[in-house]
Amino acid sequence: MIEIIPSIDISNGKAVKRIRGIKGTGLILGDPVQVANKIYDEGYRKIHIIDLDAAEGIGDNENYIKEICKIGFKWIQVGGGIRNYEKANRILSNGSSALIFSTLPFTNSNLFKDIVNKIGKDKILISIDYDNRGNVLIKGWKEKALKVTEAIKKVNELDLLGTILTYIPNEGTSSGIDYNVREFSSMIKGMKEYAGGVASYDDVKYLESLGFNYVIVGMSFYLNRIRGARFD
């Protein structure tokens, strides 16, 4: 059965929810630790955290992530600006369950594989962030890397924990998922997660029908359109 994972994006010490990742758009939710505590109090036991500042190379919010790890979540997946073993190891040591990479696997495969070898395949997720033309975007969604199908093949060869498909055009819009994701879902080996535009329980059930294990929700969660039902 598919499970809903609420997301917390952090920038400048605040939990935010941007529209398509664009600064100054969307919601400012406040203290990320307080936001996480509320999510936990509502019964959710898994959380998805992205450090937006680290992803952009303009700072980091590791202290907030460390505090969230103390709350009691049984699963915490963290991404954003993880570009070396030292940072990867530090985030895991602070209590995270798994790390999310979206740029390094496609820009420096040797360095990425070195990190994988040191921390273990079972602690690594790759987020394939793609546009409506099937292009994978990296470096804060500023550069094109390769096609989704090519990226999935590369990830499959690594035999990691799982893959997140993130549909950038609908990210933060609460306007619905990419229903064409069915073209990619059957190609993925291992755990499958989806993010981007989830707007309704119909979206969630459709993703479940495609074999997705988890759906990451942000804007619709904070707008109370998908909240309170966990599908777990």
C-alpha atoms as a PDB file:
ATOM      1  CA  MET A   1       0.000   0.000   0.000  1.00  0.00           C
ATOM      2  CA  ILE A   2       1.232   3.482  -0.836  1.00  0.00           C
ATOM      3  CA  GLU A   3       2.226   5.817   1.984  1.00  0.00           C
ATOM      4  CA  ILE A   4       2.120   9.613   2.182  1.00  0.00           C
ATOM      5  CA  ILE A   5       5.300  11.383   3.300  1.00  0.00           C
ATOM      6  CA  PRO A   6       4.960  15.086   4.189  1.00  0.00           C
ATOM      7  CA  SER A   7       7.813  17.291   3.015  1.00  0.00           C
ATOM      8  CA  ILE A   8       9.627  20.147   4.713  1.00  0.00           C
ATOM      9  CA  ASP A   9      11.761  22.461   2.589  1.00  0.00           C
ATOM     10  CA  ILE A  10      14.061  24.738   4.575  1.00  0.00           C
ATOM     11  CA  SER A  11      15.521  28.118   3.596  1.00  0.00           C
ATOM     12  CA  ASN A  12      17.012  30.769   5.867  1.00  0.00           C
ATOM     13  CA  GLY A  13      15.922  28.813   8.912  1.00  0.00           C
ATOM     14  CA  LYS A  14      12.275  28.727   7.822  1.00  0.00           C
ATOM     15  CA  ALA A  15      10.096  25.930   6.525  1.00  0.00           C
ATOM     16  CA  VAL A  16       8.830  27.044   3.115  1.00  0.00           C
ATOM     17  CA  LYS A  17       6.915  25.660   0.179  1.00  0.00           C
ATOM     18  CA  ARG A  18       7.943  27.272  -3.078  1.00  0.00           C
ATOM     19  CA  ILE A  19       6.165  27.059  -6.406  1.00  0.00           C
ATOM     20  CA  ARG A  20       8.422  25.273  -8.905  1.00  0.00           C
ATOM     21  CA  GLY A  21      11.355  26.099  -6.625  1.00  0.00           C
ATOM     22  CA  ILE A  22      11.179  29.837  -7.323  1.00  0.00           C
ATOM     23  CA  LYS A  23      12.253  32.087  -4.450  1.00  0.00           C
ATOM     24  CA  GLY A  24       9.612  34.443  -3.118  1.00  0.00           C
ATOM     25  CA  THR A  25       6.700  32.240  -4.146  1.00  0.00           C
ATOM     26  CA  GLY A  26       4.447  29.935  -2.188  1.00  0.00           C
ATOM     27  CA  LEU A  27       4.265  29.665   1.594  1.00  0.00           C
ATOM     28  CA  ILE A  28       6.461  30.571   4.549  1.00  0.00           C
ATOM     29  CA  LEU A  29       5.486  28.101   7.254  1.00  0.00           C
ATOM     30  CA  GLY A  30       7.768  29.176  10.082  1.00  0.00           C
ATOM     31  CA  ASP A  31      10.135  27.286  12.353  1.00  0.00           C
ATOM     32  CA  PRO A  32      10.871  23.950  10.630  1.00  0.00           C
ATOM     33  CA  VAL A  33      11.237  22.107  13.950  1.00  0.00           C
ATOM     34  CA  GLN A  34       7.812  23.298  15.077  1.00  0.00           C
ATOM     35  CA  VAL A  35       6.338  22.323  11.708  1.00  0.00           C
ATOM     36  CA  ALA A  36       7.903  18.881  12.014  1.00  0.00           C
ATOM     37  CA  ASN A  37       6.629  18.462  15.564  1.00  0.00           C
ATOM     38  CA  LYS A  38       3.093  19.202  14.424  1.00  0.00           C
ATOM     39  CA  ILE A  39       3.397  16.659  11.615  1.00  0.00           C
ATOM     40  CA  TYR A  40       4.617  14.080  14.107  1.00  0.00           C
ATOM     41  CA  ASP A  41       1.791  14.898  16.526  1.00  0.00           C
ATOM     42  CA  GLU A  42      -0.689  14.235  13.718  1.00  0.00           C
ATOM     43  CA  GLY A  43       0.584  10.679  13.494  1.00  0.00           C
ATOM     44  CA  TYR A  44       2.994  10.803  10.569  1.00  0.00           C
ATOM     45  CA  ARG A  45       6.165   8.834  11.177  1.00  0.00           C
ATOM     46  CA  LYS A  46       8.087   9.556   7.982  1.00  0.00           C
ATOM     47  CA  ILE A  47       9.365  12.893   6.738  1.00  0.00           C
ATOM     48  CA  HIS A  48      11.075  14.254   3.613  1.00  0.00           C
ATOM     49  CA  ILE A  49      13.438  17.201   4.165  1.00  0.00           C
ATOM     50  CA  ILE A  50      15.210  19.348   1.570  1.00  0.00           C
ATOM     51  CA  ASP A  51      17.786  21.986   2.501  1.00  0.00           C
ATOM     52  CA  LEU A  52      17.179  24.529  -0.235  1.00  0.00           C
ATOM     53  CA  ASP A  53      20.078  26.790   0.757  1.00  0.00           C
ATOM     54  CA  ALA A  54      22.557  23.911   0.657  1.00  0.00           C
ATOM     55  CA  ALA A  55      21.181  22.859  -2.714  1.00  0.00           C
ATOM     56  CA  GLU A  56      21.872  26.348  -4.054  1.00  0.00           C
ATOM     57  CA  GLY A  57      25.273  26.530  -2.371  1.00  0.00           C
ATOM     58  CA  ILE A  58      24.375  29.614  -0.313  1.00  0.00           C
ATOM     59  CA  GLY A  59      24.375  28.148   3.189  1.00  0.00           C
ATOM     60  CA  ASP A  60      22.911  25.269   5.099  1.00  0.00           C
ATOM     61  CA  ASN A  61      20.211  24.404   7.630  1.00  0.00           C
ATOM     62  CA  GLU A  62      21.811  21.319   9.136  1.00  0.00           C
ATOM     63  CA  ASN A  63      21.125  22.375  12.723  1.00  0.00           C
ATOM     64  CA  TYR A  64      17.382  22.415  12.067  1.00  0.00           C
ATOM     65  CA  ILE A  65      17.559  19.020  10.391  1.00  0.00           C
ATOM     66  CA  LYS A  66      19.487  17.671  13.369  1.00  0.00           C
ATOM     67  CA  GLU A  67      16.758  18.890  15.730  1.00  0.00           C
ATOM     68  CA  ILE A  68      14.018  17.359  13.580  1.00  0.00           C
ATOM     69  CA  CYS A  69      15.856  14.046  13.804  1.00  0.00           C
ATOM     70  CA  LYS A  70      15.385  14.121  17.588  1.00  0.00           C
ATOM     71  CA  ILE A  71      11.577  14.238  17.375  1.00  0.00           C
ATOM     72  CA  GLY A  72      11.055  10.516  16.895  1.00  0.00           C
ATOM     73  CA  PHE A  73      10.300   9.942  13.215  1.00  0.00           C
ATOM     74  CA  LYS A  74      11.047   6.371  12.190  1.00  0.00           C
ATOM     75  CA  TRP A  75      12.150   7.474   8.705  1.00  0.00           C
ATOM     76  CA  ILE A  76      13.831  10.746   7.701  1.00  0.00           C
ATOM     77  CA  GLN A  77      15.096  11.248   4.158  1.00  0.00           C
ATOM     78  CA  VAL A  78      17.230  14.321   3.589  1.00  0.00           C
ATOM     79  CA  GLY A  79      18.467  16.030   0.448  1.00  0.00           C
ATOM     80  CA  GLY A  80      20.012  19.268  -0.706  1.00  0.00           C
ATOM     81  CA  GLY A  81      23.653  20.082  -1.371  1.00  0.00           C
ATOM     82  CA  ILE A  82      25.177  16.769  -0.323  1.00  0.00           C
ATOM     83  CA  ARG A  83      28.345  16.822  -2.410  1.00  0.00           C
ATOM     84  CA  ASN A  84      30.963  15.005  -0.352  1.00  0.00           C
ATOM     85  CA  TYR A  85      31.347  12.078   2.029  1.00  0.00           C
ATOM     86  CA  GLU A  86      31.964  14.262   5.072  1.00  0.00           C
ATOM     87  CA  LYS A  87      28.595  15.979   4.788  1.00  0.00           C
ATOM     88  CA  ALA A  88      26.813  12.739   3.893  1.00  0.00           C
ATOM     89  CA  ASN A  89      28.258  11.017   6.959  1.00  0.00           C
ATOM     90  CA  ARG A  90      27.468  13.977   9.192  1.00  0.00           C
ATOM     91  CA  ILE A  91      23.805  14.082   8.204  1.00  0.00           C
ATOM     92  CA  LEU A  92      23.437  10.352   8.763  1.00  0.00           C
ATOM     93  CA  SER A  93      25.259  10.589  12.093  1.00  0.00           C
ATOM     94  CA  ASN A  94      22.809  13.274  13.180  1.00  0.00           C
ATOM     95  CA  GLY A  95      19.942  10.818  12.815  1.00  0.00           C
ATOM     96  CA  SER A  96      18.786  10.805   9.191  1.00  0.00           C
ATOM     97  CA  SER A  97      17.734   7.476   7.696  1.00  0.00           C
ATOM     98  CA  ALA A  98      18.614   8.072   4.049  1.00  0.00           C
ATOM     99  CA  LEU A  99      20.185  10.673   1.783  1.00  0.00           C
ATOM    100  CA  ILE A 100      18.759  12.102  -1.432  1.00  0.00           C
ATOM    101  CA  PHE A 101      21.009  13.009  -4.363  1.00  0.00           C
ATOM    102  CA  SER A 102      19.841  14.676  -7.568  1.00  0.00           C
ATOM    103  CA  THR A 103      22.915  16.298  -9.135  1.00  0.00           C
ATOM    104  CA  LEU A 104      26.093  14.471  -8.114  1.00  0.00           C
ATOM    105  CA  PRO A 105      25.147  11.091  -9.695  1.00  0.00           C
ATOM    106  CA  PHE A 106      24.922  12.808 -13.084  1.00  0.00           C
ATOM    107  CA  THR A 107      27.878  15.203 -12.800  1.00  0.00           C
ATOM    108  CA  ASN A 108      30.564  13.282 -10.912  1.00  0.00           C
ATOM    109  CA  SER A 109      29.820   9.581 -10.949  1.00  0.00           C
ATOM    110  CA  ASN A 110      33.197   8.617  -9.442  1.00  0.00           C
ATOM    111  CA  LEU A 111      32.733  10.826  -6.393  1.00  0.00           C
ATOM    112  CA  PHE A 112      29.144   9.664  -6.027  1.00  0.00           C
ATOM    113  CA  LYS A 113      30.137   5.994  -6.179  1.00  0.00           C
ATOM    114  CA  ASP A 114      32.834   6.620  -3.577  1.00  0.00           C
ATOM    115  CA  ILE A 115      30.195   8.060  -1.224  1.00  0.00           C
ATOM    116  CA  VAL A 116      27.906   5.107  -1.916  1.00  0.00           C
ATOM    117  CA  ASN A 117      30.683   2.631  -1.151  1.00  0.00           C
ATOM    118  CA  LYS A 118      31.420   4.333   2.165  1.00  0.00           C
ATOM    119  CA  ILE A 119      27.891   4.791   3.507  1.00  0.00           C
ATOM    120  CA  GLY A 120      26.033   1.908   1.857  1.00  0.00           C
ATOM    121  CA  LYS A 121      23.599   1.496  -1.017  1.00  0.00           C
ATOM    122  CA  ASP A 122      20.680   1.005   1.368  1.00  0.00           C
ATOM    123  CA  LYS A 123      20.915   4.616   2.546  1.00  0.00           C
ATOM    124  CA  ILE A 124      20.759   6.337  -0.838  1.00  0.00           C
ATOM    125  CA  LEU A 125      17.870   7.650  -2.901  1.00  0.00           C
ATOM    126  CA  ILE A 126      18.259   9.442  -6.219  1.00  0.00           C
ATOM    127  CA  SER A 127      15.733  12.084  -7.175  1.00  0.00           C
ATOM    128  CA  ILE A 128      15.224  12.327 -10.914  1.00  0.00           C
ATOM    129  CA  ASP A 129      13.852  15.848 -11.334  1.00  0.00           C
ATOM    130  CA  TYR A 130      12.336  16.249 -14.772  1.00  0.00           C
ATOM    131  CA  ASP A 131      10.406  18.680 -16.965  1.00  0.00           C
ATOM    132  CA  ASN A 132       7.501  18.260 -19.379  1.00  0.00           C
ATOM    133  CA  ARG A 133       9.876  17.294 -22.192  1.00  0.00           C
ATOM    134  CA  GLY A 134      11.443  14.443 -20.289  1.00  0.00           C
ATOM    135  CA  ASN A 135      14.657  16.308 -19.516  1.00  0.00           C
ATOM    136  CA  VAL A 136      16.366  15.765 -16.168  1.00  0.00           C
ATOM    137  CA  LEU A 137      17.315  19.071 -14.537  1.00  0.00           C
ATOM    138  CA  ILE A 138      20.187  19.401 -12.068  1.00  0.00           C
ATOM    139  CA  LYS A 139      22.036  22.055 -10.030  1.00  0.00           C
ATOM    140  CA  GLY A 140      18.926  23.589  -8.525  1.00  0.00           C
ATOM    141  CA  TRP A 141      16.963  22.842 -11.701  1.00  0.00           C
ATOM    142  CA  LYS A 142      19.152  25.256 -13.652  1.00  0.00           C
ATOM    143  CA  GLU A 143      20.846  22.815 -16.067  1.00  0.00           C
ATOM    144  CA  LYS A 144      19.708  19.962 -18.271  1.00  0.00           C
ATOM    145  CA  ALA A 145      21.565  16.703 -17.813  1.00  0.00           C
ATOM    146  CA  LEU A 146      20.001  13.812 -19.732  1.00  0.00           C
ATOM    147  CA  LYS A 147      16.659  12.213 -20.487  1.00  0.00           C
ATOM    148  CA  VAL A 148      14.537  10.550 -17.794  1.00  0.00           C
ATOM    149  CA  THR A 149      14.781   7.131 -19.425  1.00  0.00           C
ATOM    150  CA  GLU A 150      18.585   7.380 -19.555  1.00  0.00           C
ATOM    151  CA  ALA A 151      18.704   8.527 -15.918  1.00  0.00           C
ATOM    152  CA  ILE A 152      16.559   5.609 -14.762  1.00  0.00           C
ATOM    153  CA  LYS A 153      18.849   3.147 -16.541  1.00  0.00           C
ATOM    154  CA  LYS A 154      21.901   4.678 -14.830  1.00  0.00           C
ATOM    155  CA  VAL A 155      20.229   4.550 -11.427  1.00  0.00           C
ATOM    156  CA  ASN A 156      19.086   0.963 -11.922  1.00  0.00           C
ATOM    157  CA  GLU A 157      22.675  -0.090 -12.578  1.00  0.00           C
ATOM    158  CA  LEU A 158      23.695   1.230  -9.160  1.00  0.00           C
ATOM    159  CA  ASP A 159      21.207  -0.966  -7.275  1.00  0.00           C
ATOM    160  CA  LEU A 160      20.429   1.679  -4.639  1.00  0.00           C
ATOM    161  CA  LEU A 161      17.594   1.924  -2.112  1.00  0.00           C
ATOM    162  CA  GLY A 162      15.229   3.697  -4.493  1.00  0.00           C
ATOM    163  CA  THR A 163      14.278   6.467  -6.880  1.00  0.00           C
ATOM    164  CA  ILE A 164      12.178   9.607  -6.517  1.00  0.00           C
ATOM    165  CA  LEU A 165      10.532  10.981  -9.652  1.00  0.00           C
ATOM    166  CA  THR A 166       9.952  14.710  -9.195  1.00  0.00           C
ATOM    167  CA  TYR A 167       7.848  16.498 -11.819  1.00  0.00           C
ATOM    168  CA  ILE A 168       9.155  20.055 -11.748  1.00  0.00           C
ATOM    169  CA  PRO A 169       6.403  21.857 -13.742  1.00  0.00           C
ATOM    170  CA  ASN A 170       3.797  21.007 -11.085  1.00  0.00           C
ATOM    171  CA  GLU A 171       6.044  21.136  -8.011  1.00  0.00           C
ATOM    172  CA  GLY A 172       4.429  23.350  -5.365  1.00  0.00           C
ATOM    173  CA  THR A 173       1.359  24.068  -7.496  1.00  0.00           C
ATOM    174  CA  SER A 174      -1.110  21.531  -6.068  1.00  0.00           C
ATOM    175  CA  SER A 175      -2.409  21.259  -9.632  1.00  0.00           C
ATOM    176  CA  GLY A 176      -2.201  17.503 -10.137  1.00  0.00           C
ATOM    177  CA  ILE A 177       0.455  14.930 -10.890  1.00  0.00           C
ATOM    178  CA  ASP A 178       2.132  14.024 -14.154  1.00  0.00           C
ATOM    179  CA  TYR A 179      -0.130  11.208 -15.300  1.00  0.00           C
ATOM    180  CA  ASN A 180       2.427  10.347 -17.972  1.00  0.00           C
ATOM    181  CA  VAL A 181       4.676   9.124 -15.169  1.00  0.00           C
ATOM    182  CA  ARG A 182       3.324   5.658 -15.996  1.00  0.00           C
ATOM    183  CA  GLU A 183       5.810   5.651 -18.892  1.00  0.00           C
ATOM    184  CA  PHE A 184       8.670   5.699 -16.394  1.00  0.00           C
ATOM    185  CA  SER A 185       7.319   3.894 -13.335  1.00  0.00           C
ATOM    186  CA  SER A 186       7.630   0.382 -14.707  1.00  0.00           C
ATOM    187  CA  MET A 187      11.303   0.971 -15.559  1.00  0.00           C
ATOM    188  CA  ILE A 188      12.371   1.688 -11.979  1.00  0.00           C
ATOM    189  CA  LYS A 189      14.021  -0.972  -9.834  1.00  0.00           C
ATOM    190  CA  GLY A 190      13.741  -0.772  -6.056  1.00  0.00           C
ATOM    191  CA  MET A 191      11.633   1.588  -3.995  1.00  0.00           C
ATOM    192  CA  LYS A 192       9.618   4.164  -5.945  1.00  0.00           C
ATOM    193  CA  GLU A 193       8.576   7.618  -4.763  1.00  0.00           C
ATOM    194  CA  TYR A 194       6.778  10.460  -6.548  1.00  0.00           C
ATOM    195  CA  ALA A 195       6.712  14.212  -5.937  1.00  0.00           C
ATOM    196  CA  GLY A 196       5.241  17.135  -7.835  1.00  0.00           C
ATOM    197  CA  GLY A 197       1.737  18.590  -7.921  1.00  0.00           C
ATOM    198  CA  VAL A 198      -0.100  15.974  -5.872  1.00  0.00           C
ATOM    199  CA  ALA A 199      -3.542  17.520  -5.443  1.00  0.00           C
ATOM    200  CA  SER A 200      -6.025  14.832  -4.459  1.00  0.00           C
ATOM    201  CA  TYR A 201      -6.493  11.339  -3.140  1.00  0.00           C
ATOM    202  CA  ASP A 202      -7.269  10.303  -6.718  1.00  0.00           C
ATOM    203  CA  ASP A 203      -3.687  11.293  -7.576  1.00  0.00           C
ATOM    204  CA  VAL A 204      -2.415   9.172  -4.704  1.00  0.00           C
ATOM    205  CA  LYS A 205      -4.490   6.159  -5.700  1.00  0.00           C
ATOM    206  CA  TYR A 206      -3.322   6.451  -9.302  1.00  0.00           C
ATOM    207  CA  LEU A 207       0.301   6.422  -8.182  1.00  0.00           C
ATOM    208  CA  GLU A 208      -0.460   3.404  -6.041  1.00  0.00           C
ATOM    209  CA  SER A 209      -1.846   1.625  -9.100  1.00  0.00           C
ATOM    210  CA  LEU A 210       1.512   2.201 -10.810  1.00  0.00           C
ATOM    211  CA  GLY A 211       3.384   0.551  -7.974  1.00  0.00           C
ATOM    212  CA  PHE A 212       4.720   3.617  -6.187  1.00  0.00           C
ATOM    213  CA  ASN A 213       5.590   2.955  -2.564  1.00  0.00           C
ATOM    214  CA  TYR A 214       5.517   6.554  -1.382  1.00  0.00           C
ATOM    215  CA  VAL A 215       4.093   9.885  -2.453  1.00  0.00           C
ATOM    216  CA  ILE A 216       5.721  13.078  -1.199  1.00  0.00           C
ATOM    217  CA  VAL A 217       3.263  15.887  -0.488  1.00  0.00           C
ATOM    218  CA  GLY A 218       3.946  19.531   0.233  1.00  0.00           C
ATOM    219  CA  MET A 219       1.663  22.318  -0.925  1.00  0.00           C
ATOM    220  CA  SER A 220      -1.533  20.235  -0.810  1.00  0.00           C
ATOM    221  CA  PHE A 221      -0.564  19.016   2.630  1.00  0.00           C
ATOM    222  CA  TYR A 222      -0.099  22.515   4.023  1.00  0.00           C
ATOM    223  CA  LEU A 223      -3.274  23.737   2.324  1.00  0.00           C
ATOM    224  CA  ASN A 224      -5.092  20.848   4.069  1.00  0.00           C
ATOM    225  CA  ARG A 225      -6.169  19.232   0.815  1.00  0.00           C
ATOM    226  CA  ILE A 226      -4.291  16.050   1.638  1.00  0.00           C
ATOM    227  CA  ARG A 227      -3.912  15.782   5.350  1.00  0.00           C
ATOM    228  CA  GLY A 228      -5.046  13.334   7.973  1.00  0.00           C
ATOM    229  CA  ALA A 229      -5.130  10.224   5.760  1.00  0.00           C
ATOM    230  CA  ARG A 230      -1.853   8.361   5.526  1.00  0.00           C
ATOM    231  CA  PHE A 231      -2.629   5.370   3.293  1.00  0.00           C
ATOM    232  CA  ASP A 232      -0.341   3.279   5.500  1.00  0.00           C
END
